[in-house]
Amino acid sequence: MSHGCDAGTVGSAMAPNSREGNEAPFFLPRARPRQRITEITHASEVRDPQLKRTGNGCKQFGTALVLGLAVMIANATDALADPPRSQWFFNAEEIDAAYQYQENYGVRIRNPLPAEACMYGRADFMATYRQAKVQVQCQFIIEVTRHLREMLALGAARYLFPLDADHAHLGVPTEVWAKKYSKLDASQVINGLLHEPALVALYHTAEHLDPVEAKSKESEASVRAWKEKRNVLGFFDGRPVQILPPHPEGFGVGMPEGYVTYGGFSFLANHRAGLMLFNGDKVIPFDVSLDNGEEVEANAFFGRSVIRAVRR
C-alpha cells in the first residue's frame, strides 16, 4: 500500500524498478524511504468484517485509534529528530554532477550578448539593456573572459553556473561616479560603464556550496579553501583579479569601500554558447548577459552592499 511520495522527490524523474515520480535526478542523493506505519488489525475485525456498532465494537475502535495516533506521533518525532537537508545547499560532488548536466544538456542563458565576433578581432557591437540600445566594447568581453579564466586557475571558482559562479556586480570609484555618471539616466550610465577604464566587477562564487561536507568525498580543507576565495574583484585595466578577505561568517561581501555599485552581468556555461575560454586543457563554452536578475539589479541600483548568503 502506498503512503505517499518519498521525501526529497523532485519532478517526475523515473528510474528502473521505481514508481513514476518517486525517483530524484541522478545528480541528487537518493531519497530515504518513509517509514511505513504498521497496520493494526484486530482479530475480531478480521473474523467479522461487518462489525456492528456495539459497546465492544466502539471499544475496539477507540483502542485502534489511540494506537494509530501513537504510531503517527512516534513517526513525527523521528522526522523532527532527522530534519530534511536544506534545499539551498549542495555538496561538492552534487555540484560537479549538476554542472556536467548544465554544460552538456542545460539551457542557454537568457539574452546572451552577441559577442562571438570579439574572438575574431571585432572592436565593438550593439546590445540591449533595459529596452535601450547600448554599445559594448569587445574589450569588456575580453576582460570578463580573463577574469573567469583567472578565477578558475586560482580555485576561486570551479564552475560557471548558478551553484558556483554565475554573476558579477559592476562598480566604479566614488570620485569617478560623482564626476561622470551621477546625473545620467540608466542607458547612459551603462553605456559609459562598459567603456570605463576604472570599472571593476565583484564576483561571488561557491553560491550554494554546502558548509558541511560530511557526505562528500571532497576533503574539508579543499572545500574551506574554495569558500574562503568566494569574493573576487576583477579589473578592466589588465590587472590580475584580487581575492578579497573572506567574511567572518562565510557570506559574500559587498563592493569594497570607495566604490559605487551599479548594475551587473551574468554568465553561464552551455554547449550552445557563443564564447569560449581555455582552462588548462579544457575549452569551456559560455555566454555573458546584461540581464542579471531583478534582485541583483535593484540592490546595485540603490547602492546597497550586494550579498548572496552562504553560511560557512
C-alpha atoms as a PDB file:
ATOM      1  CA  MET A   1       0.000   0.000   0.000  1.00  0.00           C
ATOM      2  CA  SER A   2       1.350   3.435  -0.923  1.00  0.00           C
ATOM      3  CA  HIS A   3       1.626   6.065   1.798  1.00  0.00           C
ATOM      4  CA  GLY A   4       2.596   8.995  -0.425  1.00  0.00           C
ATOM      5  CA  CYS A   5       5.730  10.228  -2.180  1.00  0.00           C
ATOM      6  CA  ASP A   6       9.170   9.779  -0.655  1.00  0.00           C
ATOM      7  CA  ALA A   7      10.824  12.830   0.901  1.00  0.00           C
ATOM      8  CA  GLY A   8      13.089  14.698  -1.458  1.00  0.00           C
ATOM      9  CA  THR A   9      11.283  13.617  -4.634  1.00  0.00           C
ATOM     10  CA  VAL A  10      11.949  16.029  -7.496  1.00  0.00           C
ATOM     11  CA  GLY A  11       9.667  16.401 -10.506  1.00  0.00           C
ATOM     12  CA  SER A  12       8.633  13.230 -12.284  1.00  0.00           C
ATOM     13  CA  ALA A  13      12.027  11.633 -12.880  1.00  0.00           C
ATOM     14  CA  MET A  14      11.856   7.884 -13.448  1.00  0.00           C
ATOM     15  CA  ALA A  15      14.261   5.024 -12.917  1.00  0.00           C
ATOM     16  CA  PRO A  16      14.054   1.243 -13.454  1.00  0.00           C
ATOM     17  CA  ASN A  17      12.084  -0.671 -10.822  1.00  0.00           C
ATOM     18  CA  SER A  18      10.724   2.553  -9.287  1.00  0.00           C
ATOM     19  CA  ARG A  19       7.353   4.226  -9.236  1.00  0.00           C
ATOM     20  CA  GLU A  20       6.849   7.196 -11.557  1.00  0.00           C
ATOM     21  CA  GLY A  21       7.585  10.460  -9.742  1.00  0.00           C
ATOM     22  CA  ASN A  22       9.457   8.860  -6.808  1.00  0.00           C
ATOM     23  CA  GLU A  23      12.989   8.976  -8.159  1.00  0.00           C
ATOM     24  CA  ALA A  24      15.284  12.018  -7.842  1.00  0.00           C
ATOM     25  CA  PRO A  25      17.587  13.180 -10.694  1.00  0.00           C
ATOM     26  CA  PHE A  26      20.904  11.351 -10.996  1.00  0.00           C
ATOM     27  CA  PHE A  27      22.884  14.236  -9.524  1.00  0.00           C
ATOM     28  CA  LEU A  28      20.892  14.376  -6.257  1.00  0.00           C
ATOM     29  CA  PRO A  29      21.156  11.836  -3.420  1.00  0.00           C
ATOM     30  CA  ARG A  30      18.560   9.074  -3.368  1.00  0.00           C
ATOM     31  CA  ALA A  31      15.751   9.936  -1.003  1.00  0.00           C
ATOM     32  CA  ARG A  32      15.374   7.952   2.197  1.00  0.00           C
ATOM     33  CA  PRO A  33      12.142   5.833   2.132  1.00  0.00           C
ATOM     34  CA  ARG A  34       9.475   6.885   4.573  1.00  0.00           C
ATOM     35  CA  GLN A  35       8.963   4.566   7.467  1.00  0.00           C
ATOM     36  CA  ARG A  36       5.785   2.610   6.925  1.00  0.00           C
ATOM     37  CA  ILE A  37       3.137   2.763   9.585  1.00  0.00           C
ATOM     38  CA  THR A  38       2.338  -0.739  10.756  1.00  0.00           C
ATOM     39  CA  GLU A  39      -1.247  -1.665  10.157  1.00  0.00           C
ATOM     40  CA  ILE A  40      -3.149  -2.553  13.301  1.00  0.00           C
ATOM     41  CA  THR A  41      -5.856  -5.075  12.686  1.00  0.00           C
ATOM     42  CA  HIS A  42      -7.867  -6.725  15.372  1.00  0.00           C
ATOM     43  CA  ALA A  43      -8.536 -10.428  15.014  1.00  0.00           C
ATOM     44  CA  SER A  44     -12.188  -9.827  15.712  1.00  0.00           C
ATOM     45  CA  GLU A  45     -12.358  -7.361  12.799  1.00  0.00           C
ATOM     46  CA  VAL A  46     -10.833  -9.950  10.508  1.00  0.00           C
ATOM     47  CA  ARG A  47     -13.313 -12.547  11.615  1.00  0.00           C
ATOM     48  CA  ASP A  48     -16.246 -10.134  11.430  1.00  0.00           C
ATOM     49  CA  PRO A  49     -15.867  -7.542   8.613  1.00  0.00           C
ATOM     50  CA  GLN A  50     -19.454  -6.379   9.317  1.00  0.00           C
ATOM     51  CA  LEU A  51     -18.502  -5.279  12.820  1.00  0.00           C
ATOM     52  CA  LYS A  52     -21.595  -3.809  14.414  1.00  0.00           C
ATOM     53  CA  ARG A  53     -21.528  -0.603  16.443  1.00  0.00           C
ATOM     54  CA  THR A  54     -21.938  -2.330  19.796  1.00  0.00           C
ATOM     55  CA  GLY A  55     -20.271  -1.308  23.016  1.00  0.00           C
ATOM     56  CA  ASN A  56     -17.490  -3.843  22.336  1.00  0.00           C
ATOM     57  CA  GLY A  57     -17.071  -2.539  18.792  1.00  0.00           C
ATOM     58  CA  CYS A  58     -16.695   1.068  19.946  1.00  0.00           C
ATOM     59  CA  LYS A  59     -14.123  -0.044  22.485  1.00  0.00           C
ATOM     60  CA  GLN A  60     -12.097  -1.825  19.802  1.00  0.00           C
ATOM     61  CA  PHE A  61     -12.342   1.213  17.514  1.00  0.00           C
ATOM     62  CA  GLY A  62     -11.134   3.501  20.300  1.00  0.00           C
ATOM     63  CA  THR A  63      -8.176   1.229  21.062  1.00  0.00           C
ATOM     64  CA  ALA A  64      -7.152   1.109  17.417  1.00  0.00           C
ATOM     65  CA  LEU A  65      -7.470   4.903  17.133  1.00  0.00           C
ATOM     66  CA  VAL A  66      -5.255   5.515  20.168  1.00  0.00           C
ATOM     67  CA  LEU A  67      -2.623   3.059  18.944  1.00  0.00           C
ATOM     68  CA  GLY A  68      -2.693   4.601  15.472  1.00  0.00           C
ATOM     69  CA  LEU A  69      -2.192   8.096  16.883  1.00  0.00           C
ATOM     70  CA  ALA A  70       0.717   6.818  18.976  1.00  0.00           C
ATOM     71  CA  VAL A  71       2.432   5.422  15.875  1.00  0.00           C
ATOM     72  CA  MET A  72       1.869   8.710  13.999  1.00  0.00           C
ATOM     73  CA  ILE A  73       3.340  10.744  16.871  1.00  0.00           C
ATOM     74  CA  ALA A  74       6.371   8.436  17.017  1.00  0.00           C
ATOM     75  CA  ASN A  75       6.939   8.858  13.289  1.00  0.00           C
ATOM     76  CA  ALA A  76       6.607  12.649  13.574  1.00  0.00           C
ATOM     77  CA  THR A  77       9.139  12.667  16.427  1.00  0.00           C
ATOM     78  CA  ASP A  78      11.606  10.692  14.294  1.00  0.00           C
ATOM     79  CA  ALA A  79      11.153  13.179  11.439  1.00  0.00           C
ATOM     80  CA  LEU A  80      11.876  16.112  13.748  1.00  0.00           C
ATOM     81  CA  ALA A  81      14.999  14.388  15.051  1.00  0.00           C
ATOM     82  CA  ASP A  82      16.272  13.958  11.476  1.00  0.00           C
ATOM     83  CA  PRO A  83      15.171  17.112   9.590  1.00  0.00           C
ATOM     84  CA  PRO A  84      15.428  17.279   5.778  1.00  0.00           C
ATOM     85  CA  ARG A  85      18.546  18.845   4.329  1.00  0.00           C
ATOM     86  CA  SER A  86      18.333  22.455   3.179  1.00  0.00           C
ATOM     87  CA  GLN A  87      17.401  22.741  -0.474  1.00  0.00           C
ATOM     88  CA  TRP A  88      19.753  25.734  -0.873  1.00  0.00           C
ATOM     89  CA  PHE A  89      22.999  23.793  -0.350  1.00  0.00           C
ATOM     90  CA  PHE A  90      24.739  21.043  -2.334  1.00  0.00           C
ATOM     91  CA  ASN A  91      27.988  19.263  -1.584  1.00  0.00           C
ATOM     92  CA  ALA A  92      30.948  19.357  -3.960  1.00  0.00           C
ATOM     93  CA  GLU A  93      30.088  16.072  -5.698  1.00  0.00           C
ATOM     94  CA  GLU A  94      26.492  17.133  -6.338  1.00  0.00           C
ATOM     95  CA  ILE A  95      27.598  20.495  -7.732  1.00  0.00           C
ATOM     96  CA  ASP A  96      30.044  18.750 -10.059  1.00  0.00           C
ATOM     97  CA  ALA A  97      27.370  16.350 -11.335  1.00  0.00           C
ATOM     98  CA  ALA A  98      24.832  19.159 -11.807  1.00  0.00           C
ATOM     99  CA  TYR A  99      27.400  21.191 -13.742  1.00  0.00           C
ATOM    100  CA  GLN A 100      28.089  18.310 -16.131  1.00  0.00           C
ATOM    101  CA  TYR A 101      24.391  18.284 -16.919  1.00  0.00           C
ATOM    102  CA  GLN A 102      24.213  22.071 -17.394  1.00  0.00           C
ATOM    103  CA  GLU A 103      27.292  22.209 -19.580  1.00  0.00           C
ATOM    104  CA  ASN A 104      26.107  19.428 -21.885  1.00  0.00           C
ATOM    105  CA  TYR A 105      22.294  19.485 -21.758  1.00  0.00           C
ATOM    106  CA  GLY A 106      21.161  22.597 -19.856  1.00  0.00           C
ATOM    107  CA  VAL A 107      19.527  25.733 -21.205  1.00  0.00           C
ATOM    108  CA  ARG A 108      21.419  28.681 -22.637  1.00  0.00           C
ATOM    109  CA  ILE A 109      21.460  31.988 -20.740  1.00  0.00           C
ATOM    110  CA  ARG A 110      18.647  34.477 -21.401  1.00  0.00           C
ATOM    111  CA  ASN A 111      19.522  37.288 -23.820  1.00  0.00           C
ATOM    112  CA  PRO A 112      23.196  36.438 -24.414  1.00  0.00           C
ATOM    113  CA  LEU A 113      25.330  39.271 -25.727  1.00  0.00           C
ATOM    114  CA  PRO A 114      26.086  38.774 -29.455  1.00  0.00           C
ATOM    115  CA  ALA A 115      29.802  38.842 -28.769  1.00  0.00           C
ATOM    116  CA  GLU A 116      31.077  35.936 -30.882  1.00  0.00           C
ATOM    117  CA  ALA A 117      32.869  38.287 -33.287  1.00  0.00           C
ATOM    118  CA  CYS A 118      35.005  39.585 -30.402  1.00  0.00           C
ATOM    119  CA  MET A 119      37.007  36.357 -30.661  1.00  0.00           C
ATOM    120  CA  TYR A 120      37.957  37.310 -34.222  1.00  0.00           C
ATOM    121  CA  GLY A 121      39.179  40.856 -33.695  1.00  0.00           C
ATOM    122  CA  ARG A 122      35.999  42.890 -33.776  1.00  0.00           C
ATOM    123  CA  ALA A 123      36.116  46.158 -31.778  1.00  0.00           C
ATOM    124  CA  ASP A 124      32.534  46.507 -30.512  1.00  0.00           C
ATOM    125  CA  PHE A 125      28.889  45.503 -31.061  1.00  0.00           C
ATOM    126  CA  MET A 126      25.368  46.686 -30.187  1.00  0.00           C
ATOM    127  CA  ALA A 127      23.238  45.109 -27.463  1.00  0.00           C
ATOM    128  CA  THR A 128      20.050  45.833 -25.475  1.00  0.00           C
ATOM    129  CA  TYR A 129      19.921  46.897 -21.835  1.00  0.00           C
ATOM    130  CA  ARG A 130      16.537  47.654 -20.220  1.00  0.00           C
ATOM    131  CA  GLN A 131      14.999  48.011 -23.691  1.00  0.00           C
ATOM    132  CA  ALA A 132      17.621  50.570 -24.736  1.00  0.00           C
ATOM    133  CA  LYS A 133      20.399  50.091 -27.280  1.00  0.00           C
ATOM    134  CA  VAL A 134      23.910  50.155 -25.846  1.00  0.00           C
ATOM    135  CA  GLN A 135      27.325  49.864 -27.450  1.00  0.00           C
ATOM    136  CA  VAL A 136      29.575  47.223 -25.917  1.00  0.00           C
ATOM    137  CA  GLN A 137      33.310  47.240 -26.468  1.00  0.00           C
ATOM    138  CA  CYS A 138      34.848  43.847 -27.142  1.00  0.00           C
ATOM    139  CA  GLN A 139      37.495  44.812 -24.597  1.00  0.00           C
ATOM    140  CA  PHE A 140      34.782  44.368 -21.948  1.00  0.00           C
ATOM    141  CA  ILE A 141      34.174  40.784 -23.114  1.00  0.00           C
ATOM    142  CA  ILE A 142      37.912  40.070 -23.319  1.00  0.00           C
ATOM    143  CA  GLU A 143      38.443  41.290 -19.759  1.00  0.00           C
ATOM    144  CA  VAL A 144      35.472  39.293 -18.392  1.00  0.00           C
ATOM    145  CA  THR A 145      36.860  36.183 -20.084  1.00  0.00           C
ATOM    146  CA  ARG A 146      40.234  36.841 -18.461  1.00  0.00           C
ATOM    147  CA  HIS A 147      38.594  37.264 -15.040  1.00  0.00           C
ATOM    148  CA  LEU A 148      36.821  33.927 -15.333  1.00  0.00           C
ATOM    149  CA  ARG A 149      39.961  32.139 -16.509  1.00  0.00           C
ATOM    150  CA  GLU A 150      42.000  33.549 -13.607  1.00  0.00           C
ATOM    151  CA  MET A 151      39.276  32.684 -11.083  1.00  0.00           C
ATOM    152  CA  LEU A 152      39.230  29.085 -12.301  1.00  0.00           C
ATOM    153  CA  ALA A 153      43.039  28.882 -12.204  1.00  0.00           C
ATOM    154  CA  LEU A 154      43.143  30.225  -8.629  1.00  0.00           C
ATOM    155  CA  GLY A 155      40.450  27.846  -7.387  1.00  0.00           C
ATOM    156  CA  ALA A 156      38.137  30.733  -6.507  1.00  0.00           C
ATOM    157  CA  ALA A 157      35.561  29.188  -8.849  1.00  0.00           C
ATOM    158  CA  ARG A 158      35.246  25.733 -10.359  1.00  0.00           C
ATOM    159  CA  TYR A 159      32.128  26.018 -12.497  1.00  0.00           C
ATOM    160  CA  LEU A 160      30.324  28.710 -14.465  1.00  0.00           C
ATOM    161  CA  PHE A 161      26.710  28.198 -13.406  1.00  0.00           C
ATOM    162  CA  PRO A 162      24.395  29.257 -10.545  1.00  0.00           C
ATOM    163  CA  LEU A 163      25.537  26.728  -7.933  1.00  0.00           C
ATOM    164  CA  ASP A 164      29.038  28.225  -8.064  1.00  0.00           C
ATOM    165  CA  ALA A 165      29.799  31.369 -10.120  1.00  0.00           C
ATOM    166  CA  ASP A 166      27.286  32.973 -12.473  1.00  0.00           C
ATOM    167  CA  HIS A 167      27.188  36.741 -11.875  1.00  0.00           C
ATOM    168  CA  ALA A 168      29.146  39.897 -11.112  1.00  0.00           C
ATOM    169  CA  HIS A 169      28.326  43.381  -9.829  1.00  0.00           C
ATOM    170  CA  LEU A 170      29.813  46.411 -11.564  1.00  0.00           C
ATOM    171  CA  GLY A 171      31.308  49.387  -9.768  1.00  0.00           C
ATOM    172  CA  VAL A 172      33.481  52.470 -10.216  1.00  0.00           C
ATOM    173  CA  PRO A 173      35.462  54.620  -7.772  1.00  0.00           C
ATOM    174  CA  THR A 174      33.289  57.106  -5.903  1.00  0.00           C
ATOM    175  CA  GLU A 175      35.033  60.131  -7.380  1.00  0.00           C
ATOM    176  CA  VAL A 176      34.607  58.785 -10.926  1.00  0.00           C
ATOM    177  CA  TRP A 177      30.911  58.176 -10.283  1.00  0.00           C
ATOM    178  CA  ALA A 178      30.385  61.700  -8.959  1.00  0.00           C
ATOM    179  CA  LYS A 179      32.212  63.291 -11.868  1.00  0.00           C
ATOM    180  CA  LYS A 180      30.933  61.245 -14.813  1.00  0.00           C
ATOM    181  CA  TYR A 181      27.797  59.221 -14.021  1.00  0.00           C
ATOM    182  CA  SER A 182      25.776  60.542 -11.080  1.00  0.00           C
ATOM    183  CA  LYS A 183      23.457  62.698 -13.240  1.00  0.00           C
ATOM    184  CA  LEU A 184      22.964  60.340 -16.191  1.00  0.00           C
ATOM    185  CA  ASP A 185      19.974  58.099 -16.887  1.00  0.00           C
ATOM    186  CA  ALA A 186      20.242  54.292 -16.866  1.00  0.00           C
ATOM    187  CA  SER A 187      21.088  53.746 -20.549  1.00  0.00           C
ATOM    188  CA  GLN A 188      23.719  56.488 -20.487  1.00  0.00           C
ATOM    189  CA  VAL A 189      25.273  55.100 -17.316  1.00  0.00           C
ATOM    190  CA  ILE A 190      25.648  51.552 -18.643  1.00  0.00           C
ATOM    191  CA  ASN A 191      26.953  52.861 -21.968  1.00  0.00           C
ATOM    192  CA  GLY A 192      29.635  54.763 -20.119  1.00  0.00           C
ATOM    193  CA  LEU A 193      30.492  51.982 -17.660  1.00  0.00           C
ATOM    194  CA  LEU A 194      31.084  49.457 -20.442  1.00  0.00           C
ATOM    195  CA  HIS A 195      33.806  51.783 -21.752  1.00  0.00           C
ATOM    196  CA  GLU A 196      35.176  52.878 -18.360  1.00  0.00           C
ATOM    197  CA  PRO A 197      38.881  52.066 -17.667  1.00  0.00           C
ATOM    198  CA  ALA A 198      38.303  52.346 -13.888  1.00  0.00           C
ATOM    199  CA  LEU A 199      35.449  49.806 -13.966  1.00  0.00           C
ATOM    200  CA  VAL A 200      35.601  46.825 -11.579  1.00  0.00           C
ATOM    201  CA  ALA A 201      33.499  43.673 -11.245  1.00  0.00           C
ATOM    202  CA  LEU A 202      32.742  41.955  -7.928  1.00  0.00           C
ATOM    203  CA  TYR A 203      32.239  38.198  -8.363  1.00  0.00           C
ATOM    204  CA  HIS A 204      30.658  35.878  -5.800  1.00  0.00           C
ATOM    205  CA  THR A 205      31.398  32.155  -6.133  1.00  0.00           C
ATOM    206  CA  ALA A 206      30.510  28.980  -4.175  1.00  0.00           C
ATOM    207  CA  GLU A 207      26.952  30.337  -4.016  1.00  0.00           C
ATOM    208  CA  HIS A 208      25.310  27.057  -2.997  1.00  0.00           C
ATOM    209  CA  LEU A 209      28.265  25.099  -1.645  1.00  0.00           C
ATOM    210  CA  ASP A 210      27.252  23.071   1.406  1.00  0.00           C
ATOM    211  CA  PRO A 211      29.036  24.362   4.529  1.00  0.00           C
ATOM    212  CA  VAL A 212      29.131  20.775   5.857  1.00  0.00           C
ATOM    213  CA  GLU A 213      30.920  18.217   3.690  1.00  0.00           C
ATOM    214  CA  ALA A 214      30.036  15.156   5.766  1.00  0.00           C
ATOM    215  CA  LYS A 215      28.589  13.172   2.840  1.00  0.00           C
ATOM    216  CA  SER A 216      31.101  14.037   0.132  1.00  0.00           C
ATOM    217  CA  LYS A 217      34.483  12.585  -0.836  1.00  0.00           C
ATOM    218  CA  GLU A 218      35.808  16.137  -1.043  1.00  0.00           C
ATOM    219  CA  SER A 219      38.202  16.970   1.793  1.00  0.00           C
ATOM    220  CA  GLU A 220      37.119  19.569   4.323  1.00  0.00           C
ATOM    221  CA  ALA A 221      40.285  21.605   3.728  1.00  0.00           C
ATOM    222  CA  SER A 222      39.649  21.732  -0.020  1.00  0.00           C
ATOM    223  CA  VAL A 223      36.068  22.905   0.441  1.00  0.00           C
ATOM    224  CA  ARG A 224      37.097  25.508   3.023  1.00  0.00           C
ATOM    225  CA  ALA A 225      39.724  26.902   0.635  1.00  0.00           C
ATOM    226  CA  TRP A 226      37.083  27.143  -2.107  1.00  0.00           C
ATOM    227  CA  LYS A 227      34.692  29.053   0.169  1.00  0.00           C
ATOM    228  CA  GLU A 228      37.386  31.378   1.504  1.00  0.00           C
ATOM    229  CA  LYS A 229      38.120  32.550  -2.067  1.00  0.00           C
ATOM    230  CA  ARG A 230      34.499  33.216  -2.931  1.00  0.00           C
ATOM    231  CA  ASN A 231      34.777  37.022  -3.169  1.00  0.00           C
ATOM    232  CA  VAL A 232      36.789  38.191  -6.184  1.00  0.00           C
ATOM    233  CA  LEU A 233      37.402  41.668  -7.583  1.00  0.00           C
ATOM    234  CA  GLY A 234      38.145  41.916 -11.296  1.00  0.00           C
ATOM    235  CA  PHE A 235      39.719  44.935 -13.006  1.00  0.00           C
ATOM    236  CA  PHE A 236      39.239  46.118 -16.586  1.00  0.00           C
ATOM    237  CA  ASP A 237      42.674  47.715 -16.962  1.00  0.00           C
ATOM    238  CA  GLY A 238      44.675  44.479 -17.262  1.00  0.00           C
ATOM    239  CA  ARG A 239      45.463  43.956 -13.567  1.00  0.00           C
ATOM    240  CA  PRO A 240      45.059  40.393 -12.214  1.00  0.00           C
ATOM    241  CA  VAL A 241      41.926  39.574 -10.219  1.00  0.00           C
ATOM    242  CA  GLN A 242      42.110  40.130  -6.474  1.00  0.00           C
ATOM    243  CA  ILE A 243      40.815  37.648  -3.889  1.00  0.00           C
ATOM    244  CA  LEU A 244      39.103  39.700  -1.172  1.00  0.00           C
ATOM    245  CA  PRO A 245      39.319  38.750   2.545  1.00  0.00           C
ATOM    246  CA  PRO A 246      36.555  36.271   3.454  1.00  0.00           C
ATOM    247  CA  HIS A 247      33.588  37.341   5.523  1.00  0.00           C
ATOM    248  CA  PRO A 248      33.850  36.017   9.130  1.00  0.00           C
ATOM    249  CA  GLU A 249      30.551  34.140   8.687  1.00  0.00           C
ATOM    250  CA  GLY A 250      31.280  32.957   5.171  1.00  0.00           C
ATOM    251  CA  PHE A 251      28.882  35.344   3.436  1.00  0.00           C
ATOM    252  CA  GLY A 252      29.515  37.123   0.174  1.00  0.00           C
ATOM    253  CA  VAL A 253      30.933  40.592   0.784  1.00  0.00           C
ATOM    254  CA  GLY A 254      29.778  43.857  -0.747  1.00  0.00           C
ATOM    255  CA  MET A 255      31.755  46.164  -3.025  1.00  0.00           C
ATOM    256  CA  PRO A 256      34.915  47.453  -1.288  1.00  0.00           C
ATOM    257  CA  GLU A 257      34.808  50.866   0.336  1.00  0.00           C
ATOM    258  CA  GLY A 258      35.437  53.717  -2.073  1.00  0.00           C
ATOM    259  CA  TYR A 259      33.348  52.259  -4.921  1.00  0.00           C
ATOM    260  CA  VAL A 260      29.805  52.898  -6.118  1.00  0.00           C
ATOM    261  CA  THR A 261      27.951  49.789  -7.296  1.00  0.00           C
ATOM    262  CA  TYR A 262      25.722  49.940 -10.366  1.00  0.00           C
ATOM    263  CA  GLY A 263      24.259  47.091 -12.420  1.00  0.00           C
ATOM    264  CA  GLY A 264      25.995  43.883 -13.289  1.00  0.00           C
ATOM    265  CA  PHE A 265      26.043  40.926 -15.639  1.00  0.00           C
ATOM    266  CA  SER A 266      25.521  37.165 -15.681  1.00  0.00           C
ATOM    267  CA  PHE A 267      27.396  34.338 -17.358  1.00  0.00           C
ATOM    268  CA  LEU A 268      26.648  30.669 -17.914  1.00  0.00           C
ATOM    269  CA  ALA A 269      28.425  27.694 -19.442  1.00  0.00           C
ATOM    270  CA  ASN A 270      26.485  25.807 -22.091  1.00  0.00           C
ATOM    271  CA  HIS A 271      27.327  23.656 -25.097  1.00  0.00           C
ATOM    272  CA  ARG A 272      25.471  26.074 -27.421  1.00  0.00           C
ATOM    273  CA  ALA A 273      27.130  29.225 -26.044  1.00  0.00           C
ATOM    274  CA  GLY A 274      28.879  31.718 -28.300  1.00  0.00           C
ATOM    275  CA  LEU A 275      32.091  32.456 -26.360  1.00  0.00           C
ATOM    276  CA  MET A 276      34.961  30.223 -25.274  1.00  0.00           C
ATOM    277  CA  LEU A 277      37.684  30.242 -22.669  1.00  0.00           C
ATOM    278  CA  PHE A 278      40.558  27.837 -22.119  1.00  0.00           C
ATOM    279  CA  ASN A 279      41.058  26.351 -18.674  1.00  0.00           C
ATOM    280  CA  GLY A 280      44.075  24.055 -18.747  1.00  0.00           C
ATOM    281  CA  ASP A 281      43.385  21.505 -21.457  1.00  0.00           C
ATOM    282  CA  LYS A 282      39.639  22.123 -21.433  1.00  0.00           C
ATOM    283  CA  VAL A 283      37.591  24.502 -23.593  1.00  0.00           C
ATOM    284  CA  ILE A 284      34.566  25.985 -21.802  1.00  0.00           C
ATOM    285  CA  PRO A 285      31.777  27.466 -23.969  1.00  0.00           C
ATOM    286  CA  PHE A 286      29.890  30.239 -22.160  1.00  0.00           C
ATOM    287  CA  ASP A 287      27.745  33.342 -22.658  1.00  0.00           C
ATOM    288  CA  VAL A 288      27.568  36.758 -20.995  1.00  0.00           C
ATOM    289  CA  SER A 289      24.313  38.670 -20.495  1.00  0.00           C
ATOM    290  CA  LEU A 290      23.475  42.107 -19.104  1.00  0.00           C
ATOM    291  CA  ASP A 291      20.257  40.577 -17.704  1.00  0.00           C
ATOM    292  CA  ASN A 292      21.453  39.982 -14.172  1.00  0.00           C
ATOM    293  CA  GLY A 293      18.206  39.335 -12.321  1.00  0.00           C
ATOM    294  CA  GLU A 294      15.865  41.812 -10.634  1.00  0.00           C
ATOM    295  CA  GLU A 295      17.301  41.292  -7.150  1.00  0.00           C
ATOM    296  CA  VAL A 296      20.896  41.992  -8.154  1.00  0.00           C
ATOM    297  CA  GLU A 297      19.999  44.978 -10.336  1.00  0.00           C
ATOM    298  CA  ALA A 298      17.770  46.556  -7.675  1.00  0.00           C
ATOM    299  CA  ASN A 299      20.359  46.186  -4.935  1.00  0.00           C
ATOM    300  CA  ALA A 300      23.075  47.563  -7.178  1.00  0.00           C
ATOM    301  CA  PHE A 301      20.919  50.471  -8.314  1.00  0.00           C
ATOM    302  CA  PHE A 302      20.259  51.627  -4.758  1.00  0.00           C
ATOM    303  CA  GLY A 303      23.912  51.296  -3.794  1.00  0.00           C
ATOM    304  CA  ARG A 304      23.453  48.567  -1.206  1.00  0.00           C
ATOM    305  CA  SER A 305      26.065  46.027  -0.236  1.00  0.00           C
ATOM    306  CA  VAL A 306      25.026  43.187  -2.520  1.00  0.00           C
ATOM    307  CA  ILE A 307      25.242  39.857  -0.738  1.00  0.00           C
ATOM    308  CA  ARG A 308      24.061  36.370  -1.522  1.00  0.00           C
ATOM    309  CA  ALA A 309      24.230  34.481   1.732  1.00  0.00           C
ATOM    310  CA  VAL A 310      26.180  31.251   2.009  1.00  0.00           C
ATOM    311  CA  ARG A 311      26.934  30.100   5.518  1.00  0.00           C
ATOM    312  CA  ARG A 312      30.356  28.818   6.441  1.00  0.00           C
END
